[in-house]
Amino acid sequence: MRTLRSPLRPAVACALALLAVSCARKGPPTGGPPDLVAPRITSSSPDSGAARIARDARLSITFSEGMEPRSAGEAVSLAPPVEIVQRRWSGRTLTLLLADSLAANRTYTWFVSPSARDRHGNPLDRGYAFVFTTAETLPAGVLEGTLAARGFPAAGTYLWCYEAGRTGVPDSTARDFDARGFVDADGRFRVVGLPTPGRYRLWVFAD
């Protein structure tokens, strides 16, 4: 009888091992519910509307959650354009290092497009524009209105502002605008911090 029992032991052990493996693969998925919440910007430095900003200031923004570094970094730009040589991340905060100092007595628009995405692929809740100046006070000029779009949705459209005295046709790849705006979900736009008196031409670029 002993010689009959010994061959069965490996088979029983093997069956138990297979059962354990099978059980280990079952159960509810880990990680909790999927993240479907759009990220937002919680703070910026300089803050929008700030004046007397140092020409060597470092610009930084903080998001509500961890972002995908490439898409979020590339979504940031300055108007008038200043070359960004490096984008540094520290947790949820992105800091820009510029190739040159900011110009004296100049107003800048710091723009973050909704193409920025968090680590789960959710796009930014909307486009953001922060206006600041190296001058003593922020210029009082404002351009605002509603975009009537035909053949494409108005929301999310870029609005580029050029001083009326400039010649030539704007080049969407040159980023040579004097100020930049963004059309919101209601089709409205508002560009602030423009020198007065002044006249501007508006060009719309839909991506």
C-alpha atoms as a PDB file:
ATOM      1  CA  MET A   1       0.000   0.000   0.000  1.00  0.00           C
ATOM      2  CA  ARG A   2       2.888   2.349   0.661  1.00  0.00           C
ATOM      3  CA  THR A   3       4.183   1.915  -2.869  1.00  0.00           C
ATOM      4  CA  LEU A   4       0.774   3.028  -4.227  1.00  0.00           C
ATOM      5  CA  ARG A   5       0.495   6.143  -2.098  1.00  0.00           C
ATOM      6  CA  SER A   6       3.889   7.697  -2.828  1.00  0.00           C
ATOM      7  CA  PRO A   7       3.286   8.399  -6.571  1.00  0.00           C
ATOM      8  CA  LEU A   8       0.072  10.277  -5.698  1.00  0.00           C
ATOM      9  CA  ARG A   9       1.692  12.840  -3.425  1.00  0.00           C
ATOM     10  CA  PRO A  10       3.441  14.876  -6.186  1.00  0.00           C
ATOM     11  CA  ALA A  11       0.203  14.953  -8.180  1.00  0.00           C
ATOM     12  CA  VAL A  12      -1.769  16.243  -5.200  1.00  0.00           C
ATOM     13  CA  ALA A  13       0.900  18.847  -4.463  1.00  0.00           C
ATOM     14  CA  CYS A  14       0.901  19.953  -8.104  1.00  0.00           C
ATOM     15  CA  ALA A  15      -2.882  20.289  -8.113  1.00  0.00           C
ATOM     16  CA  LEU A  16      -2.754  22.405  -4.975  1.00  0.00           C
ATOM     17  CA  ALA A  17      -0.061  24.614  -6.503  1.00  0.00           C
ATOM     18  CA  LEU A  18      -2.158  25.176  -9.647  1.00  0.00           C
ATOM     19  CA  LEU A  19      -5.174  26.019  -7.531  1.00  0.00           C
ATOM     20  CA  ALA A  20      -3.142  28.580  -5.574  1.00  0.00           C
ATOM     21  CA  VAL A  21      -1.907  30.224  -8.784  1.00  0.00           C
ATOM     22  CA  SER A  22      -5.408  30.325 -10.189  1.00  0.00           C
ATOM     23  CA  CYS A  23      -6.785  31.925  -7.035  1.00  0.00           C
ATOM     24  CA  ALA A  24      -3.996  34.509  -6.970  1.00  0.00           C
ATOM     25  CA  ARG A  25      -5.084  35.811 -10.381  1.00  0.00           C
ATOM     26  CA  LYS A  26      -8.675  36.440  -9.369  1.00  0.00           C
ATOM     27  CA  GLY A  27     -10.110  39.418  -7.512  1.00  0.00           C
ATOM     28  CA  PRO A  28     -11.078  43.066  -8.166  1.00  0.00           C
ATOM     29  CA  PRO A  29      -8.624  45.337 -10.059  1.00  0.00           C
ATOM     30  CA  THR A  30      -6.211  47.354  -7.919  1.00  0.00           C
ATOM     31  CA  GLY A  31      -5.558  51.100  -7.987  1.00  0.00           C
ATOM     32  CA  GLY A  32      -9.071  52.404  -7.348  1.00  0.00           C
ATOM     33  CA  PRO A  33     -11.359  54.188  -9.812  1.00  0.00           C
ATOM     34  CA  PRO A  34      -9.869  55.816 -12.931  1.00  0.00           C
ATOM     35  CA  ASP A  35      -8.862  59.494 -12.789  1.00  0.00           C
ATOM     36  CA  LEU A  36     -11.262  61.466 -15.017  1.00  0.00           C
ATOM     37  CA  VAL A  37     -10.856  64.872 -13.347  1.00  0.00           C
ATOM     38  CA  ALA A  38      -9.293  67.636 -15.457  1.00  0.00           C
ATOM     39  CA  PRO A  39      -6.248  69.278 -13.885  1.00  0.00           C
ATOM     40  CA  ARG A  40      -6.161  73.026 -13.261  1.00  0.00           C
ATOM     41  CA  ILE A  41      -3.599  75.680 -12.382  1.00  0.00           C
ATOM     42  CA  THR A  42      -3.681  76.603  -8.710  1.00  0.00           C
ATOM     43  CA  SER A  43      -1.066  79.394  -8.623  1.00  0.00           C
ATOM     44  CA  SER A  44       1.430  81.322 -10.729  1.00  0.00           C
ATOM     45  CA  SER A  45       4.502  83.423 -10.046  1.00  0.00           C
ATOM     46  CA  PRO A  46       4.317  86.222 -11.042  1.00  0.00           C
ATOM     47  CA  ASP A  47       0.606  86.435 -10.380  1.00  0.00           C
ATOM     48  CA  SER A  48      -1.646  87.805 -13.112  1.00  0.00           C
ATOM     49  CA  GLY A  49      -1.785  91.606 -12.974  1.00  0.00           C
ATOM     50  CA  ALA A  50       1.539  91.938 -11.163  1.00  0.00           C
ATOM     51  CA  ALA A  51       3.816  94.931 -11.862  1.00  0.00           C
ATOM     52  CA  ARG A  52       7.478  95.804 -11.197  1.00  0.00           C
ATOM     53  CA  ILE A  53       8.560  92.234 -11.958  1.00  0.00           C
ATOM     54  CA  ALA A  54      12.342  91.781 -11.954  1.00  0.00           C
ATOM     55  CA  ARG A  55      13.852  91.330 -15.394  1.00  0.00           C
ATOM     56  CA  ASP A  56      15.657  88.175 -14.236  1.00  0.00           C
ATOM     57  CA  ALA A  57      12.565  86.681 -12.578  1.00  0.00           C
ATOM     58  CA  ARG A  58      11.931  82.955 -12.885  1.00  0.00           C
ATOM     59  CA  LEU A  59       8.428  82.068 -13.936  1.00  0.00           C
ATOM     60  CA  SER A  60       6.634  79.170 -12.277  1.00  0.00           C
ATOM     61  CA  ILE A  61       3.174  77.646 -12.199  1.00  0.00           C
ATOM     62  CA  THR A  62       1.704  74.993  -9.950  1.00  0.00           C
ATOM     63  CA  PHE A  63      -0.892  72.479 -11.106  1.00  0.00           C
ATOM     64  CA  SER A  64      -3.534  70.756  -9.016  1.00  0.00           C
ATOM     65  CA  GLU A  65      -1.995  67.339  -9.700  1.00  0.00           C
ATOM     66  CA  GLY A  66       1.001  65.647 -11.256  1.00  0.00           C
ATOM     67  CA  MET A  67       1.373  66.481 -14.949  1.00  0.00           C
ATOM     68  CA  GLU A  68       2.837  64.710 -17.955  1.00  0.00           C
ATOM     69  CA  PRO A  69       6.081  66.733 -18.265  1.00  0.00           C
ATOM     70  CA  ARG A  70       6.365  66.983 -22.037  1.00  0.00           C
ATOM     71  CA  SER A  71       2.823  68.040 -22.955  1.00  0.00           C
ATOM     72  CA  ALA A  72       2.529  70.415 -19.998  1.00  0.00           C
ATOM     73  CA  GLY A  73       5.915  71.989 -20.624  1.00  0.00           C
ATOM     74  CA  GLU A  74       5.296  72.536 -24.331  1.00  0.00           C
ATOM     75  CA  ALA A  75       1.890  74.097 -23.597  1.00  0.00           C
ATOM     76  CA  VAL A  76       3.555  77.136 -22.001  1.00  0.00           C
ATOM     77  CA  SER A  77       4.625  80.195 -24.009  1.00  0.00           C
ATOM     78  CA  LEU A  78       5.273  83.912 -23.597  1.00  0.00           C
ATOM     79  CA  ALA A  79       4.078  86.902 -25.607  1.00  0.00           C
ATOM     80  CA  PRO A  80       6.040  88.811 -26.778  1.00  0.00           C
ATOM     81  CA  PRO A  81       8.122  85.668 -27.336  1.00  0.00           C
ATOM     82  CA  VAL A  82      11.089  84.901 -25.109  1.00  0.00           C
ATOM     83  CA  GLU A  83      13.040  81.713 -25.713  1.00  0.00           C
ATOM     84  CA  ILE A  84      12.586  79.106 -22.992  1.00  0.00           C
ATOM     85  CA  VAL A  85      15.856  77.196 -22.618  1.00  0.00           C
ATOM     86  CA  GLN A  86      14.769  74.824 -19.883  1.00  0.00           C
ATOM     87  CA  ARG A  87      11.631  73.597 -18.162  1.00  0.00           C
ATOM     88  CA  ARG A  88      12.240  72.302 -14.659  1.00  0.00           C
ATOM     89  CA  TRP A  89       9.755  70.219 -12.688  1.00  0.00           C
ATOM     90  CA  SER A  90       9.562  69.930  -8.912  1.00  0.00           C
ATOM     91  CA  GLY A  91       6.514  67.889  -8.023  1.00  0.00           C
ATOM     92  CA  ARG A  92       3.491  69.721  -9.437  1.00  0.00           C
ATOM     93  CA  THR A  93       5.400  72.969 -10.097  1.00  0.00           C
ATOM     94  CA  LEU A  94       6.922  73.927 -13.451  1.00  0.00           C
ATOM     95  CA  THR A  95       9.649  76.611 -13.555  1.00  0.00           C
ATOM     96  CA  LEU A  96      10.858  78.246 -16.762  1.00  0.00           C
ATOM     97  CA  LEU A  97      14.455  79.300 -17.377  1.00  0.00           C
ATOM     98  CA  LEU A  98      14.661  81.963 -20.094  1.00  0.00           C
ATOM     99  CA  ALA A  99      17.438  82.516 -22.615  1.00  0.00           C
ATOM    100  CA  ASP A 100      17.444  86.254 -21.968  1.00  0.00           C
ATOM    101  CA  SER A 101      16.223  88.763 -19.423  1.00  0.00           C
ATOM    102  CA  LEU A 102      12.774  90.251 -19.718  1.00  0.00           C
ATOM    103  CA  ALA A 103      12.674  93.646 -21.435  1.00  0.00           C
ATOM    104  CA  ALA A 104      12.384  96.804 -19.364  1.00  0.00           C
ATOM    105  CA  ASN A 105       8.961  98.482 -19.177  1.00  0.00           C
ATOM    106  CA  ARG A 106       7.338  95.632 -21.080  1.00  0.00           C
ATOM    107  CA  THR A 107       4.110  93.747 -20.504  1.00  0.00           C
ATOM    108  CA  TYR A 108       4.052  89.993 -21.045  1.00  0.00           C
ATOM    109  CA  THR A 109       1.295  87.434 -21.373  1.00  0.00           C
ATOM    110  CA  TRP A 110       2.150  84.035 -19.999  1.00  0.00           C
ATOM    111  CA  PHE A 111      -0.077  81.525 -21.727  1.00  0.00           C
ATOM    112  CA  VAL A 112      -0.826  77.871 -20.901  1.00  0.00           C
ATOM    113  CA  SER A 113      -2.881  76.050 -23.512  1.00  0.00           C
ATOM    114  CA  PRO A 114      -5.332  73.230 -22.707  1.00  0.00           C
ATOM    115  CA  SER A 115      -3.065  70.780 -24.537  1.00  0.00           C
ATOM    116  CA  ALA A 116      -1.281  70.266 -21.196  1.00  0.00           C
ATOM    117  CA  ARG A 117      -2.208  66.858 -19.780  1.00  0.00           C
ATOM    118  CA  ASP A 118      -1.917  65.152 -16.422  1.00  0.00           C
ATOM    119  CA  ARG A 119      -0.260  61.772 -15.925  1.00  0.00           C
ATOM    120  CA  HIS A 120      -3.555  60.010 -16.701  1.00  0.00           C
ATOM    121  CA  GLY A 121      -4.042  61.816 -20.032  1.00  0.00           C
ATOM    122  CA  ASN A 122      -6.686  64.316 -18.905  1.00  0.00           C
ATOM    123  CA  PRO A 123      -6.293  67.734 -20.600  1.00  0.00           C
ATOM    124  CA  LEU A 124      -6.174  70.977 -18.652  1.00  0.00           C
ATOM    125  CA  ASP A 125      -9.648  72.233 -17.742  1.00  0.00           C
ATOM    126  CA  ARG A 126      -9.173  75.371 -19.910  1.00  0.00           C
ATOM    127  CA  GLY A 127      -6.564  77.720 -21.316  1.00  0.00           C
ATOM    128  CA  TYR A 128      -4.905  80.155 -18.906  1.00  0.00           C
ATOM    129  CA  ALA A 129      -3.385  83.594 -19.521  1.00  0.00           C
ATOM    130  CA  PHE A 130      -1.381  85.455 -16.871  1.00  0.00           C
ATOM    131  CA  VAL A 131      -0.409  89.058 -17.589  1.00  0.00           C
ATOM    132  CA  PHE A 132       2.440  90.830 -15.804  1.00  0.00           C
ATOM    133  CA  THR A 133       4.782  93.739 -16.491  1.00  0.00           C
ATOM    134  CA  THR A 134       8.301  94.888 -15.685  1.00  0.00           C
ATOM    135  CA  ALA A 135       6.995  98.498 -15.655  1.00  0.00           C
ATOM    136  CA  GLU A 136       5.767 100.345 -12.593  1.00  0.00           C
ATOM    137  CA  THR A 137       2.108  99.705 -13.391  1.00  0.00           C
ATOM    138  CA  LEU A 138       0.163  97.361 -15.631  1.00  0.00           C
ATOM    139  CA  PRO A 139      -1.120  99.155 -18.782  1.00  0.00           C
ATOM    140  CA  ALA A 140      -4.860  99.742 -18.692  1.00  0.00           C
ATOM    141  CA  GLY A 141      -5.717  98.740 -22.273  1.00  0.00           C
ATOM    142  CA  VAL A 142      -8.253  95.932 -22.739  1.00  0.00           C
ATOM    143  CA  LEU A 143      -9.537  94.184 -25.863  1.00  0.00           C
ATOM    144  CA  GLU A 144     -12.617  92.055 -25.356  1.00  0.00           C
ATOM    145  CA  GLY A 145     -15.466  90.656 -27.382  1.00  0.00           C
ATOM    146  CA  THR A 146     -17.048  87.526 -28.827  1.00  0.00           C
ATOM    147  CA  LEU A 147     -15.726  85.393 -31.672  1.00  0.00           C
ATOM    148  CA  ALA A 148     -18.321  84.340 -34.264  1.00  0.00           C
ATOM    149  CA  ALA A 149     -16.708  81.233 -35.765  1.00  0.00           C
ATOM    150  CA  ARG A 150     -17.814  79.546 -38.986  1.00  0.00           C
ATOM    151  CA  GLY A 151     -16.786  76.017 -39.808  1.00  0.00           C
ATOM    152  CA  PHE A 152     -14.939  75.444 -36.529  1.00  0.00           C
ATOM    153  CA  PRO A 153     -15.716  75.781 -32.816  1.00  0.00           C
ATOM    154  CA  ALA A 154     -14.846  79.146 -31.307  1.00  0.00           C
ATOM    155  CA  ALA A 155     -13.886  77.693 -27.926  1.00  0.00           C
ATOM    156  CA  GLY A 156     -10.170  77.024 -27.600  1.00  0.00           C
ATOM    157  CA  THR A 157      -9.182  79.329 -30.461  1.00  0.00           C
ATOM    158  CA  TYR A 158      -5.997  81.380 -30.167  1.00  0.00           C
ATOM    159  CA  LEU A 159      -6.243  85.139 -30.563  1.00  0.00           C
ATOM    160  CA  TRP A 160      -3.054  86.934 -31.623  1.00  0.00           C
ATOM    161  CA  CYS A 161      -2.806  90.718 -31.268  1.00  0.00           C
ATOM    162  CA  TYR A 162      -0.533  92.923 -33.365  1.00  0.00           C
ATOM    163  CA  GLU A 163       0.028  96.649 -33.131  1.00  0.00           C
ATOM    164  CA  ALA A 164      -1.743  98.221 -36.113  1.00  0.00           C
ATOM    165  CA  GLY A 165       1.411  99.981 -37.278  1.00  0.00           C
ATOM    166  CA  ARG A 166       3.292  96.747 -37.939  1.00  0.00           C
ATOM    167  CA  THR A 167       3.597  95.664 -41.561  1.00  0.00           C
ATOM    168  CA  GLY A 168       3.574  92.214 -43.103  1.00  0.00           C
ATOM    169  CA  VAL A 169       1.353  89.183 -42.758  1.00  0.00           C
ATOM    170  CA  PRO A 170       1.450  87.422 -39.387  1.00  0.00           C
ATOM    171  CA  ASP A 171       3.187  84.050 -39.381  1.00  0.00           C
ATOM    172  CA  SER A 172       1.621  81.498 -37.049  1.00  0.00           C
ATOM    173  CA  THR A 173       4.976  79.693 -36.720  1.00  0.00           C
ATOM    174  CA  ALA A 174       6.985  82.816 -35.863  1.00  0.00           C
ATOM    175  CA  ARG A 175       5.057  83.684 -32.687  1.00  0.00           C
ATOM    176  CA  ASP A 176       5.795  87.356 -33.305  1.00  0.00           C
ATOM    177  CA  PHE A 177       2.605  88.707 -31.739  1.00  0.00           C
ATOM    178  CA  ASP A 178       2.501  91.624 -29.289  1.00  0.00           C
ATOM    179  CA  ALA A 179      -0.129  89.998 -27.073  1.00  0.00           C
ATOM    180  CA  ARG A 180      -2.031  86.741 -26.992  1.00  0.00           C
ATOM    181  CA  GLY A 181      -5.512  85.763 -25.918  1.00  0.00           C
ATOM    182  CA  PHE A 182      -7.707  82.719 -25.704  1.00  0.00           C
ATOM    183  CA  VAL A 183     -11.372  82.216 -26.572  1.00  0.00           C
ATOM    184  CA  ASP A 184     -13.251  80.583 -23.706  1.00  0.00           C
ATOM    185  CA  ALA A 185     -16.033  77.997 -23.741  1.00  0.00           C
ATOM    186  CA  ASP A 186     -18.645  80.732 -24.279  1.00  0.00           C
ATOM    187  CA  GLY A 187     -16.833  82.154 -27.316  1.00  0.00           C
ATOM    188  CA  ARG A 188     -15.630  85.240 -25.458  1.00  0.00           C
ATOM    189  CA  PHE A 189     -12.132  86.670 -25.183  1.00  0.00           C
ATOM    190  CA  ARG A 190     -10.447  89.323 -23.051  1.00  0.00           C
ATOM    191  CA  VAL A 191      -6.880  90.528 -23.590  1.00  0.00           C
ATOM    192  CA  VAL A 192      -5.571  92.862 -20.867  1.00  0.00           C
ATOM    193  CA  GLY A 193      -2.408  94.848 -20.201  1.00  0.00           C
ATOM    194  CA  LEU A 194      -2.222  96.622 -23.577  1.00  0.00           C
ATOM    195  CA  PRO A 195      -0.565 100.064 -23.835  1.00  0.00           C
ATOM    196  CA  THR A 196      -2.949 102.976 -24.373  1.00  0.00           C
ATOM    197  CA  PRO A 197      -3.711 104.754 -26.555  1.00  0.00           C
ATOM    198  CA  GLY A 198      -3.249 102.116 -29.208  1.00  0.00           C
ATOM    199  CA  ARG A 199      -4.778 100.240 -32.118  1.00  0.00           C
ATOM    200  CA  TYR A 200      -4.455  96.528 -32.751  1.00  0.00           C
ATOM    201  CA  ARG A 201      -5.158  93.973 -35.426  1.00  0.00           C
ATOM    202  CA  LEU A 202      -6.560  90.643 -34.281  1.00  0.00           C
ATOM    203  CA  TRP A 203      -5.783  87.357 -36.001  1.00  0.00           C
ATOM    204  CA  VAL A 204      -7.420  84.072 -35.123  1.00  0.00           C
ATOM    205  CA  PHE A 205      -5.615  80.735 -35.398  1.00  0.00           C
ATOM    206  CA  ALA A 206      -7.632  77.560 -34.981  1.00  0.00           C
ATOM    207  CA  ASP A 207      -5.665  74.365 -34.380  1.00  0.00           C
END
